[in-house]
Amino acid sequence: MEQKSKAFFLNGGAGRMICSIPALEKYEKESGDKDFIIVCEGGSDIFKGHPSLDKRTYDVMHKNLFEDKLRERQIVSTEPYRVWEYYNQQCSLAQAFDIEINNQGVRDLDKPTLRLSKEELVTGRQMVTQVKEKLKKEKIIVIQPFGRGIQYVDETFLDPTSRSIEYKDLKALIGKFQEKNFGVILMSEYKMDLTQEKYKDDVASPEGLNLRQWAGLIKYADHFLGCDSVGQHLAHIVGTKSTVILGSTYPINVSYPNDSNMNIVDFGEEERQYSPIRITMDETVDRHHETIMTMTGPIQDYVVNTVLGKKQK
């Protein structure tokens, strides 16, 4: 029986899209399937400009996609969170995609390819320069405090999955960075009211940027600080020094513990339990993690010193 070309369906956030790229690049080189395609259910911007995958990539709303492209192909619905090695902390998200797509076990992978345009790079550099000049700061740190699970409830921010930096800790960290002569660029879909904070004039909150533009901005920042969300993947790709705060999720699964440019501050190391996201619906683990991302003053100082490159005891 003739082997049919495949159509790989990708869903979820941009971080998952980024992590799928190395496995798809491997498939292109190793499978002999010259006609495979990629269908993005949540947007295909991450693949724009990719030297070989861009031409294979379609948004799920593409006109006549089924009749023109899918009917004669074998559809593969990827779900890396259901890979045994992933939920047993033996591989990363990128490696889980590779196991699903290429079935070669856990193996080393290259960085995802993200080809930024000249305009995206120039815009990123220009924005960092402008913010430095406007805030009169020597250095710029980009902070992405919230993951996809964030909600705005009763005039505060709440993340039931415990992946995000607590709002009170975010405000305290911004103040501490201001004291160290950092200007802060907040990477967030939510507008935050910092008008009552003494450092309100030392914070920039760009609006309307897409993720590719954020990648260009992060590239020219002096440091990136984030949680388990897309920003850390962008920082990893563009090579910016980074500090990533993790709570309910495991570094081996969601981050880059072997990246020399990335320092992981693991709040969950002692008490974390695996949350079976996209496998079962069980709130018990989320309840267990409710305070896992909460910082004391000394922990806030620890995070700041990590960004500054000071050795920790």
C-alpha atoms as a PDB file:
ATOM      1  CA  MET A   1       0.000   0.000   0.000  1.00  0.00           C
ATOM      2  CA  GLU A   2       1.359   3.385  -0.983  1.00  0.00           C
ATOM      3  CA  GLN A   3       2.411   5.549   1.959  1.00  0.00           C
ATOM      4  CA  LYS A   4       0.403   8.768   1.990  1.00  0.00           C
ATOM      5  CA  SER A   5       1.929  12.145   2.685  1.00  0.00           C
ATOM      6  CA  LYS A   6       1.051  13.572   6.076  1.00  0.00           C
ATOM      7  CA  ALA A   7      -0.666  16.690   7.324  1.00  0.00           C
ATOM      8  CA  PHE A   8       0.520  17.603  10.816  1.00  0.00           C
ATOM      9  CA  PHE A   9      -2.038  19.551  12.844  1.00  0.00           C
ATOM     10  CA  LEU A  10      -0.633  21.852  15.535  1.00  0.00           C
ATOM     11  CA  ASN A  11      -2.707  23.511  18.220  1.00  0.00           C
ATOM     12  CA  GLY A  12      -2.145  25.548  21.363  1.00  0.00           C
ATOM     13  CA  GLY A  13      -0.059  28.623  21.942  1.00  0.00           C
ATOM     14  CA  ALA A  14       2.952  30.034  20.134  1.00  0.00           C
ATOM     15  CA  GLY A  15       5.348  28.273  22.504  1.00  0.00           C
ATOM     16  CA  ARG A  16       4.088  24.931  21.260  1.00  0.00           C
ATOM     17  CA  MET A  17       4.413  26.097  17.662  1.00  0.00           C
ATOM     18  CA  ILE A  18       8.029  27.079  18.266  1.00  0.00           C
ATOM     19  CA  CYS A  19       8.838  23.763  19.949  1.00  0.00           C
ATOM     20  CA  SER A  20       7.401  21.784  17.032  1.00  0.00           C
ATOM     21  CA  ILE A  21       9.871  23.259  14.548  1.00  0.00           C
ATOM     22  CA  PRO A  22      12.945  21.052  15.243  1.00  0.00           C
ATOM     23  CA  ALA A  23      10.867  17.863  14.875  1.00  0.00           C
ATOM     24  CA  LEU A  24       9.319  19.070  11.621  1.00  0.00           C
ATOM     25  CA  GLU A  25      12.752  19.987  10.292  1.00  0.00           C
ATOM     26  CA  LYS A  26      13.928  16.464  11.146  1.00  0.00           C
ATOM     27  CA  TYR A  27      10.892  14.970   9.422  1.00  0.00           C
ATOM     28  CA  GLU A  28      11.611  16.988   6.293  1.00  0.00           C
ATOM     29  CA  LYS A  29      15.202  15.717   6.165  1.00  0.00           C
ATOM     30  CA  GLU A  30      14.659  12.103   7.218  1.00  0.00           C
ATOM     31  CA  SER A  31      11.219  10.889   6.140  1.00  0.00           C
ATOM     32  CA  GLY A  32      11.330  11.112   2.351  1.00  0.00           C
ATOM     33  CA  ASP A  33       7.835  12.641   2.488  1.00  0.00           C
ATOM     34  CA  LYS A  34       8.248  15.515   0.042  1.00  0.00           C
ATOM     35  CA  ASP A  35       4.613  16.616   0.132  1.00  0.00           C
ATOM     36  CA  PHE A  36       3.793  16.850   3.848  1.00  0.00           C
ATOM     37  CA  ILE A  37       2.085  19.975   5.130  1.00  0.00           C
ATOM     38  CA  ILE A  38       1.541  21.708   8.467  1.00  0.00           C
ATOM     39  CA  VAL A  39      -1.828  23.025   9.615  1.00  0.00           C
ATOM     40  CA  CYS A  40      -1.819  25.579  12.439  1.00  0.00           C
ATOM     41  CA  GLU A  41      -5.029  25.815  14.415  1.00  0.00           C
ATOM     42  CA  GLY A  42      -3.834  28.805  16.435  1.00  0.00           C
ATOM     43  CA  GLY A  43      -1.988  30.891  13.860  1.00  0.00           C
ATOM     44  CA  SER A  44       1.027  30.335  11.636  1.00  0.00           C
ATOM     45  CA  ASP A  45       3.083  33.517  12.234  1.00  0.00           C
ATOM     46  CA  ILE A  46       5.949  31.604  13.840  1.00  0.00           C
ATOM     47  CA  PHE A  47       6.623  29.793  10.536  1.00  0.00           C
ATOM     48  CA  LYS A  48       6.803  32.968   8.443  1.00  0.00           C
ATOM     49  CA  GLY A  49      10.139  33.235   6.697  1.00  0.00           C
ATOM     50  CA  HIS A  50      11.245  29.717   7.578  1.00  0.00           C
ATOM     51  CA  PRO A  51      13.500  28.628   4.692  1.00  0.00           C
ATOM     52  CA  SER A  52      11.605  25.399   4.034  1.00  0.00           C
ATOM     53  CA  LEU A  53       8.575  25.027   6.324  1.00  0.00           C
ATOM     54  CA  ASP A  54       6.874  28.322   5.492  1.00  0.00           C
ATOM     55  CA  LYS A  55       5.702  27.072   2.094  1.00  0.00           C
ATOM     56  CA  ARG A  56       4.250  23.946   3.722  1.00  0.00           C
ATOM     57  CA  THR A  57       2.271  25.797   6.406  1.00  0.00           C
ATOM     58  CA  TYR A  58      -1.437  26.657   6.332  1.00  0.00           C
ATOM     59  CA  ASP A  59      -3.845  28.286   8.732  1.00  0.00           C
ATOM     60  CA  VAL A  60      -6.801  26.082   9.543  1.00  0.00           C
ATOM     61  CA  MET A  61      -9.126  28.678   7.963  1.00  0.00           C
ATOM     62  CA  HIS A  62      -7.337  28.491   4.597  1.00  0.00           C
ATOM     63  CA  LYS A  63      -9.977  28.390   1.838  1.00  0.00           C
ATOM     64  CA  ASN A  64     -10.631  24.909   0.400  1.00  0.00           C
ATOM     65  CA  LEU A  65      -7.940  23.436   2.633  1.00  0.00           C
ATOM     66  CA  PHE A  66      -9.693  20.101   3.008  1.00  0.00           C
ATOM     67  CA  GLU A  67     -10.445  19.477  -0.652  1.00  0.00           C
ATOM     68  CA  ASP A  68      -7.185  20.886  -1.983  1.00  0.00           C
ATOM     69  CA  LYS A  69      -4.716  19.621   0.609  1.00  0.00           C
ATOM     70  CA  LEU A  70      -6.123  17.301   3.263  1.00  0.00           C
ATOM     71  CA  ARG A  71      -8.327  14.749   1.544  1.00  0.00           C
ATOM     72  CA  GLU A  72      -5.390  12.897  -0.019  1.00  0.00           C
ATOM     73  CA  ARG A  73      -3.126  13.153   3.012  1.00  0.00           C
ATOM     74  CA  GLN A  74      -2.973  11.281   6.291  1.00  0.00           C
ATOM     75  CA  ILE A  75      -3.924  13.675   9.096  1.00  0.00           C
ATOM     76  CA  VAL A  76      -1.759  13.515  12.236  1.00  0.00           C
ATOM     77  CA  SER A  77      -3.065  15.355  15.304  1.00  0.00           C
ATOM     78  CA  THR A  78      -0.054  16.088  17.493  1.00  0.00           C
ATOM     79  CA  GLU A  79      -0.354  16.230  21.282  1.00  0.00           C
ATOM     80  CA  PRO A  80       3.081  16.207  22.947  1.00  0.00           C
ATOM     81  CA  TYR A  81       1.623  16.348  26.468  1.00  0.00           C
ATOM     82  CA  ARG A  82       0.398  12.775  25.928  1.00  0.00           C
ATOM     83  CA  VAL A  83       3.859  11.420  25.168  1.00  0.00           C
ATOM     84  CA  TRP A  84       5.013   9.045  27.935  1.00  0.00           C
ATOM     85  CA  GLU A  85       8.507  10.501  28.109  1.00  0.00           C
ATOM     86  CA  TYR A  86       7.057  13.983  28.514  1.00  0.00           C
ATOM     87  CA  TYR A  87       4.703  13.330  31.398  1.00  0.00           C
ATOM     88  CA  ASN A  88       7.409  11.263  33.110  1.00  0.00           C
ATOM     89  CA  GLN A  89       9.942  14.118  32.846  1.00  0.00           C
ATOM     90  CA  GLN A  90      12.298  12.379  30.456  1.00  0.00           C
ATOM     91  CA  CYS A  91      12.087  14.856  27.587  1.00  0.00           C
ATOM     92  CA  SER A  92      11.340  18.427  26.621  1.00  0.00           C
ATOM     93  CA  LEU A  93       8.338  19.700  24.713  1.00  0.00           C
ATOM     94  CA  ALA A  94      10.423  19.823  21.521  1.00  0.00           C
ATOM     95  CA  GLN A  95      11.597  16.247  22.055  1.00  0.00           C
ATOM     96  CA  ALA A  96       8.013  15.107  22.681  1.00  0.00           C
ATOM     97  CA  PHE A  97       7.025  16.538  19.305  1.00  0.00           C
ATOM     98  CA  ASP A  98       9.976  14.682  17.780  1.00  0.00           C
ATOM     99  CA  ILE A  99       8.866  11.405  19.361  1.00  0.00           C
ATOM    100  CA  GLU A 100       5.356  11.886  17.986  1.00  0.00           C
ATOM    101  CA  ILE A 101       6.393  12.997  14.527  1.00  0.00           C
ATOM    102  CA  ASN A 102       9.543  10.942  13.889  1.00  0.00           C
ATOM    103  CA  ASN A 103       9.322   8.042  16.368  1.00  0.00           C
ATOM    104  CA  GLN A 104      13.063   8.006  17.045  1.00  0.00           C
ATOM    105  CA  GLY A 105      12.993   8.232  20.836  1.00  0.00           C
ATOM    106  CA  VAL A 106      14.565  10.984  22.921  1.00  0.00           C
ATOM    107  CA  ARG A 107      17.409  12.637  21.029  1.00  0.00           C
ATOM    108  CA  ASP A 108      19.252  15.939  20.867  1.00  0.00           C
ATOM    109  CA  LEU A 109      17.661  18.608  18.701  1.00  0.00           C
ATOM    110  CA  ASP A 110      18.822  21.882  17.210  1.00  0.00           C
ATOM    111  CA  LYS A 111      17.346  25.216  18.228  1.00  0.00           C
ATOM    112  CA  PRO A 112      14.114  26.097  16.423  1.00  0.00           C
ATOM    113  CA  THR A 113      14.653  28.195  13.315  1.00  0.00           C
ATOM    114  CA  LEU A 114      12.990  31.603  13.585  1.00  0.00           C
ATOM    115  CA  ARG A 115      13.973  33.788  10.644  1.00  0.00           C
ATOM    116  CA  LEU A 116      13.290  37.413  11.581  1.00  0.00           C
ATOM    117  CA  SER A 117      13.041  39.966   8.791  1.00  0.00           C
ATOM    118  CA  LYS A 118      15.291  43.023   8.606  1.00  0.00           C
ATOM    119  CA  GLU A 119      12.294  45.161   9.515  1.00  0.00           C
ATOM    120  CA  GLU A 120      11.513  43.057  12.605  1.00  0.00           C
ATOM    121  CA  LEU A 121      15.141  43.259  13.750  1.00  0.00           C
ATOM    122  CA  VAL A 122      15.475  46.993  13.135  1.00  0.00           C
ATOM    123  CA  THR A 123      12.150  47.674  14.857  1.00  0.00           C
ATOM    124  CA  GLY A 124      13.223  45.676  17.905  1.00  0.00           C
ATOM    125  CA  ARG A 125      16.555  47.472  18.194  1.00  0.00           C
ATOM    126  CA  GLN A 126      14.913  50.848  17.671  1.00  0.00           C
ATOM    127  CA  MET A 127      12.311  50.248  20.377  1.00  0.00           C
ATOM    128  CA  VAL A 128      14.926  49.212  22.948  1.00  0.00           C
ATOM    129  CA  THR A 129      17.025  52.283  22.123  1.00  0.00           C
ATOM    130  CA  GLN A 130      14.003  54.581  22.398  1.00  0.00           C
ATOM    131  CA  VAL A 131      12.948  53.140  25.745  1.00  0.00           C
ATOM    132  CA  LYS A 132      16.489  53.521  27.122  1.00  0.00           C
ATOM    133  CA  GLU A 133      16.545  57.149  26.037  1.00  0.00           C
ATOM    134  CA  LYS A 134      13.045  57.909  27.304  1.00  0.00           C
ATOM    135  CA  LEU A 135      13.508  56.223  30.689  1.00  0.00           C
ATOM    136  CA  LYS A 136      17.134  57.402  30.971  1.00  0.00           C
ATOM    137  CA  LYS A 137      18.293  53.931  31.967  1.00  0.00           C
ATOM    138  CA  GLU A 138      21.523  52.128  31.138  1.00  0.00           C
ATOM    139  CA  LYS A 139      19.904  48.722  30.732  1.00  0.00           C
ATOM    140  CA  ILE A 140      16.567  47.293  29.669  1.00  0.00           C
ATOM    141  CA  ILE A 141      14.945  44.146  31.015  1.00  0.00           C
ATOM    142  CA  VAL A 142      11.923  42.625  29.293  1.00  0.00           C
ATOM    143  CA  ILE A 143       9.573  40.979  31.799  1.00  0.00           C
ATOM    144  CA  GLN A 144       6.834  38.564  30.769  1.00  0.00           C
ATOM    145  CA  PRO A 145       5.037  37.901  34.057  1.00  0.00           C
ATOM    146  CA  PHE A 146       2.007  35.917  32.937  1.00  0.00           C
ATOM    147  CA  GLY A 147       1.357  32.581  31.266  1.00  0.00           C
ATOM    148  CA  ARG A 148      -1.650  31.612  29.171  1.00  0.00           C
ATOM    149  CA  GLY A 149      -3.683  30.621  32.220  1.00  0.00           C
ATOM    150  CA  ILE A 150      -3.830  34.171  33.604  1.00  0.00           C
ATOM    151  CA  GLN A 151      -7.203  35.705  34.446  1.00  0.00           C
ATOM    152  CA  TYR A 152      -8.165  39.176  35.628  1.00  0.00           C
ATOM    153  CA  VAL A 153     -10.490  38.765  38.613  1.00  0.00           C
ATOM    154  CA  ASP A 154     -11.607  41.356  41.165  1.00  0.00           C
ATOM    155  CA  GLU A 155      -8.981  43.912  40.134  1.00  0.00           C
ATOM    156  CA  THR A 156      -6.089  41.478  40.343  1.00  0.00           C
ATOM    157  CA  PHE A 157      -4.445  38.800  38.237  1.00  0.00           C
ATOM    158  CA  LEU A 158      -4.992  35.116  38.964  1.00  0.00           C
ATOM    159  CA  ASP A 159      -3.415  32.042  37.374  1.00  0.00           C
ATOM    160  CA  PRO A 160      -5.102  28.774  38.468  1.00  0.00           C
ATOM    161  CA  THR A 161      -2.240  26.809  36.874  1.00  0.00           C
ATOM    162  CA  SER A 162       0.419  28.585  39.011  1.00  0.00           C
ATOM    163  CA  ARG A 163       2.723  29.339  36.101  1.00  0.00           C
ATOM    164  CA  SER A 164       2.623  33.122  36.331  1.00  0.00           C
ATOM    165  CA  ILE A 165       4.511  35.542  38.546  1.00  0.00           C
ATOM    166  CA  GLU A 166       2.236  36.837  41.304  1.00  0.00           C
ATOM    167  CA  TYR A 167       1.102  40.419  40.641  1.00  0.00           C
ATOM    168  CA  LYS A 168       2.333  41.742  43.995  1.00  0.00           C
ATOM    169  CA  ASP A 169       5.723  40.161  43.383  1.00  0.00           C
ATOM    170  CA  LEU A 170       5.864  41.617  39.889  1.00  0.00           C
ATOM    171  CA  LYS A 171       5.355  45.120  41.254  1.00  0.00           C
ATOM    172  CA  ALA A 172       8.020  44.564  43.898  1.00  0.00           C
ATOM    173  CA  LEU A 173      10.487  43.214  41.327  1.00  0.00           C
ATOM    174  CA  ILE A 174       9.958  46.204  39.028  1.00  0.00           C
ATOM    175  CA  GLY A 175      10.793  48.515  41.929  1.00  0.00           C
ATOM    176  CA  LYS A 176      13.958  46.582  42.743  1.00  0.00           C
ATOM    177  CA  PHE A 177      15.087  46.645  39.110  1.00  0.00           C
ATOM    178  CA  GLN A 178      14.447  50.382  38.983  1.00  0.00           C
ATOM    179  CA  GLU A 179      16.819  50.788  41.938  1.00  0.00           C
ATOM    180  CA  LYS A 180      19.463  48.896  39.924  1.00  0.00           C
ATOM    181  CA  ASN A 181      19.091  51.347  37.023  1.00  0.00           C
ATOM    182  CA  PHE A 182      17.080  49.006  34.797  1.00  0.00           C
ATOM    183  CA  GLY A 183      14.254  50.238  32.646  1.00  0.00           C
ATOM    184  CA  VAL A 184      11.456  47.688  32.353  1.00  0.00           C
ATOM    185  CA  ILE A 185       9.512  46.683  29.266  1.00  0.00           C
ATOM    186  CA  LEU A 186       6.440  44.648  30.183  1.00  0.00           C
ATOM    187  CA  MET A 187       5.452  41.889  27.769  1.00  0.00           C
ATOM    188  CA  SER A 188       1.790  41.308  28.493  1.00  0.00           C
ATOM    189  CA  GLU A 189      -1.560  41.174  26.763  1.00  0.00           C
ATOM    190  CA  TYR A 190      -3.053  42.894  29.809  1.00  0.00           C
ATOM    191  CA  LYS A 191      -2.718  46.565  30.609  1.00  0.00           C
ATOM    192  CA  MET A 192      -1.534  46.973  34.207  1.00  0.00           C
ATOM    193  CA  ASP A 193      -2.319  50.001  36.344  1.00  0.00           C
ATOM    194  CA  LEU A 194       1.004  51.048  37.870  1.00  0.00           C
ATOM    195  CA  THR A 195       0.102  54.732  38.271  1.00  0.00           C
ATOM    196  CA  GLN A 196       0.296  54.517  42.059  1.00  0.00           C
ATOM    197  CA  GLU A 197       3.802  53.058  42.019  1.00  0.00           C
ATOM    198  CA  LYS A 198       6.776  55.386  42.521  1.00  0.00           C
ATOM    199  CA  TYR A 199       8.554  53.810  39.536  1.00  0.00           C
ATOM    200  CA  LYS A 200       5.617  54.308  37.121  1.00  0.00           C
ATOM    201  CA  ASP A 201       7.783  56.410  34.794  1.00  0.00           C
ATOM    202  CA  ASP A 202      10.400  53.646  34.484  1.00  0.00           C
ATOM    203  CA  VAL A 203       8.085  51.112  32.840  1.00  0.00           C
ATOM    204  CA  ALA A 204       7.152  50.766  29.169  1.00  0.00           C
ATOM    205  CA  SER A 205       4.193  48.682  28.021  1.00  0.00           C
ATOM    206  CA  PRO A 206       4.231  48.429  24.205  1.00  0.00           C
ATOM    207  CA  GLU A 207       0.892  47.640  22.610  1.00  0.00           C
ATOM    208  CA  GLY A 208       0.037  45.948  19.347  1.00  0.00           C
ATOM    209  CA  LEU A 209       3.281  44.034  18.867  1.00  0.00           C
ATOM    210  CA  ASN A 210       3.106  40.560  17.373  1.00  0.00           C
ATOM    211  CA  LEU A 211       5.372  37.784  18.626  1.00  0.00           C
ATOM    212  CA  ARG A 212       7.896  38.221  15.849  1.00  0.00           C
ATOM    213  CA  GLN A 213       8.296  41.879  16.792  1.00  0.00           C
ATOM    214  CA  TRP A 214       8.653  40.857  20.429  1.00  0.00           C
ATOM    215  CA  ALA A 215      11.409  38.446  19.385  1.00  0.00           C
ATOM    216  CA  GLY A 216      13.276  41.339  17.764  1.00  0.00           C
ATOM    217  CA  LEU A 217      12.812  43.485  20.856  1.00  0.00           C
ATOM    218  CA  ILE A 218      13.985  40.713  23.214  1.00  0.00           C
ATOM    219  CA  LYS A 219      17.063  40.182  21.061  1.00  0.00           C
ATOM    220  CA  TYR A 220      18.301  43.705  21.775  1.00  0.00           C
ATOM    221  CA  ALA A 221      17.291  43.851  25.445  1.00  0.00           C
ATOM    222  CA  ASP A 222      19.966  43.383  28.095  1.00  0.00           C
ATOM    223  CA  HIS A 223      18.009  40.650  29.891  1.00  0.00           C
ATOM    224  CA  PHE A 224      14.751  38.734  29.756  1.00  0.00           C
ATOM    225  CA  LEU A 225      12.808  37.672  32.852  1.00  0.00           C
ATOM    226  CA  GLY A 226       9.790  35.449  32.441  1.00  0.00           C
ATOM    227  CA  CYS A 227       7.718  32.491  33.477  1.00  0.00           C
ATOM    228  CA  ASP A 228       6.567  29.367  31.651  1.00  0.00           C
ATOM    229  CA  SER A 229       5.351  31.154  28.537  1.00  0.00           C
ATOM    230  CA  VAL A 230       6.380  32.021  25.001  1.00  0.00           C
ATOM    231  CA  GLY A 231       8.861  34.763  25.873  1.00  0.00           C
ATOM    232  CA  GLN A 232      11.441  32.342  27.240  1.00  0.00           C
ATOM    233  CA  HIS A 233      11.328  30.373  23.964  1.00  0.00           C
ATOM    234  CA  LEU A 234      11.949  33.559  21.996  1.00  0.00           C
ATOM    235  CA  ALA A 235      14.816  34.528  24.307  1.00  0.00           C
ATOM    236  CA  HIS A 236      16.340  31.061  23.866  1.00  0.00           C
ATOM    237  CA  ILE A 237      16.221  31.380  20.085  1.00  0.00           C
ATOM    238  CA  VAL A 238      17.676  34.903  19.853  1.00  0.00           C
ATOM    239  CA  GLY A 239      20.328  34.233  22.515  1.00  0.00           C
ATOM    240  CA  THR A 240      19.399  36.865  25.107  1.00  0.00           C
ATOM    241  CA  LYS A 241      20.531  36.353  28.700  1.00  0.00           C
ATOM    242  CA  SER A 242      17.481  35.149  30.583  1.00  0.00           C
ATOM    243  CA  THR A 243      16.078  34.287  33.981  1.00  0.00           C
ATOM    244  CA  VAL A 244      13.066  31.979  33.982  1.00  0.00           C
ATOM    245  CA  ILE A 245      10.929  31.448  37.079  1.00  0.00           C
ATOM    246  CA  LEU A 246       9.140  28.100  37.180  1.00  0.00           C
ATOM    247  CA  GLY A 247       6.645  26.799  39.698  1.00  0.00           C
ATOM    248  CA  SER A 248       4.105  24.161  38.731  1.00  0.00           C
ATOM    249  CA  THR A 249       5.941  22.940  35.619  1.00  0.00           C
ATOM    250  CA  TYR A 250       9.205  21.033  35.271  1.00  0.00           C
ATOM    251  CA  PRO A 251      12.314  22.645  33.735  1.00  0.00           C
ATOM    252  CA  ILE A 252      13.074  19.565  31.624  1.00  0.00           C
ATOM    253  CA  ASN A 253       9.602  19.737  30.099  1.00  0.00           C
ATOM    254  CA  VAL A 254       9.042  23.405  29.431  1.00  0.00           C
ATOM    255  CA  SER A 255      12.379  25.232  29.481  1.00  0.00           C
ATOM    256  CA  TYR A 256      16.067  24.975  28.582  1.00  0.00           C
ATOM    257  CA  PRO A 257      18.149  23.877  31.586  1.00  0.00           C
ATOM    258  CA  ASN A 258      21.173  23.237  29.340  1.00  0.00           C
ATOM    259  CA  ASP A 259      21.178  26.715  27.786  1.00  0.00           C
ATOM    260  CA  SER A 260      24.176  28.610  29.204  1.00  0.00           C
ATOM    261  CA  ASN A 261      22.352  31.916  28.597  1.00  0.00           C
ATOM    262  CA  MET A 262      19.390  30.866  30.733  1.00  0.00           C
ATOM    263  CA  ASN A 263      19.232  30.723  34.517  1.00  0.00           C
ATOM    264  CA  ILE A 264      16.227  28.824  35.842  1.00  0.00           C
ATOM    265  CA  VAL A 265      14.869  29.739  39.267  1.00  0.00           C
ATOM    266  CA  ASP A 266      12.848  26.672  40.215  1.00  0.00           C
ATOM    267  CA  PHE A 267      10.299  27.440  42.928  1.00  0.00           C
ATOM    268  CA  GLY A 268       8.629  24.050  42.566  1.00  0.00           C
ATOM    269  CA  GLU A 269      11.641  21.800  42.986  1.00  0.00           C
ATOM    270  CA  GLU A 270      10.720  20.608  46.490  1.00  0.00           C
ATOM    271  CA  GLU A 271       6.942  20.212  46.315  1.00  0.00           C
ATOM    272  CA  ARG A 272       5.799  20.170  42.699  1.00  0.00           C
ATOM    273  CA  GLN A 273       3.481  17.473  41.357  1.00  0.00           C
ATOM    274  CA  TYR A 274       2.883  16.820  37.683  1.00  0.00           C
ATOM    275  CA  SER A 275      -0.296  18.418  36.381  1.00  0.00           C
ATOM    276  CA  PRO A 276      -1.726  16.185  33.612  1.00  0.00           C
ATOM    277  CA  ILE A 277      -2.700  19.034  31.287  1.00  0.00           C
ATOM    278  CA  ARG A 278      -4.571  17.874  28.160  1.00  0.00           C
ATOM    279  CA  ILE A 279      -4.780  14.356  29.606  1.00  0.00           C
ATOM    280  CA  THR A 280      -7.241  14.552  32.496  1.00  0.00           C
ATOM    281  CA  MET A 281      -9.254  17.249  34.267  1.00  0.00           C
ATOM    282  CA  ASP A 282      -8.192  17.190  37.915  1.00  0.00           C
ATOM    283  CA  GLU A 283      -8.069  20.305  40.081  1.00  0.00           C
ATOM    284  CA  THR A 284      -6.322  18.567  42.984  1.00  0.00           C
ATOM    285  CA  VAL A 285      -2.830  19.248  41.660  1.00  0.00           C
ATOM    286  CA  ASP A 286      -3.642  22.879  40.828  1.00  0.00           C
ATOM    287  CA  ARG A 287      -4.883  23.385  44.394  1.00  0.00           C
ATOM    288  CA  HIS A 288      -1.649  21.865  45.689  1.00  0.00           C
ATOM    289  CA  HIS A 289       0.331  24.444  43.683  1.00  0.00           C
ATOM    290  CA  GLU A 290      -1.665  27.535  44.700  1.00  0.00           C
ATOM    291  CA  THR A 291       1.179  29.198  46.631  1.00  0.00           C
ATOM    292  CA  ILE A 292       4.107  27.706  44.746  1.00  0.00           C
ATOM    293  CA  MET A 293       4.952  30.953  42.886  1.00  0.00           C
ATOM    294  CA  THR A 294       4.640  33.233  45.933  1.00  0.00           C
ATOM    295  CA  MET A 295       7.816  35.155  46.822  1.00  0.00           C
ATOM    296  CA  THR A 296       9.101  36.615  50.052  1.00  0.00           C
ATOM    297  CA  GLY A 297      11.307  39.717  50.043  1.00  0.00           C
ATOM    298  CA  PRO A 298      14.537  37.661  50.192  1.00  0.00           C
ATOM    299  CA  ILE A 299      13.337  35.513  47.270  1.00  0.00           C
ATOM    300  CA  GLN A 300      12.606  38.660  45.253  1.00  0.00           C
ATOM    301  CA  ASP A 301      16.170  39.785  46.004  1.00  0.00           C
ATOM    302  CA  TYR A 302      17.442  36.370  44.919  1.00  0.00           C
ATOM    303  CA  VAL A 303      15.695  36.775  41.551  1.00  0.00           C
ATOM    304  CA  VAL A 304      17.131  40.270  41.083  1.00  0.00           C
ATOM    305  CA  ASN A 305      20.634  39.096  41.983  1.00  0.00           C
ATOM    306  CA  THR A 306      20.282  36.252  39.495  1.00  0.00           C
ATOM    307  CA  VAL A 307      19.570  38.786  36.770  1.00  0.00           C
ATOM    308  CA  LEU A 308      22.557  40.851  37.917  1.00  0.00           C
ATOM    309  CA  GLY A 309      24.777  37.794  37.693  1.00  0.00           C
ATOM    310  CA  LYS A 310      25.654  37.728  41.372  1.00  0.00           C
ATOM    311  CA  LYS A 311      26.604  34.383  42.854  1.00  0.00           C
ATOM    312  CA  GLN A 312      23.928  32.939  45.106  1.00  0.00           C
ATOM    313  CA  LYS A 313      24.409  31.093  48.364  1.00  0.00           C
END
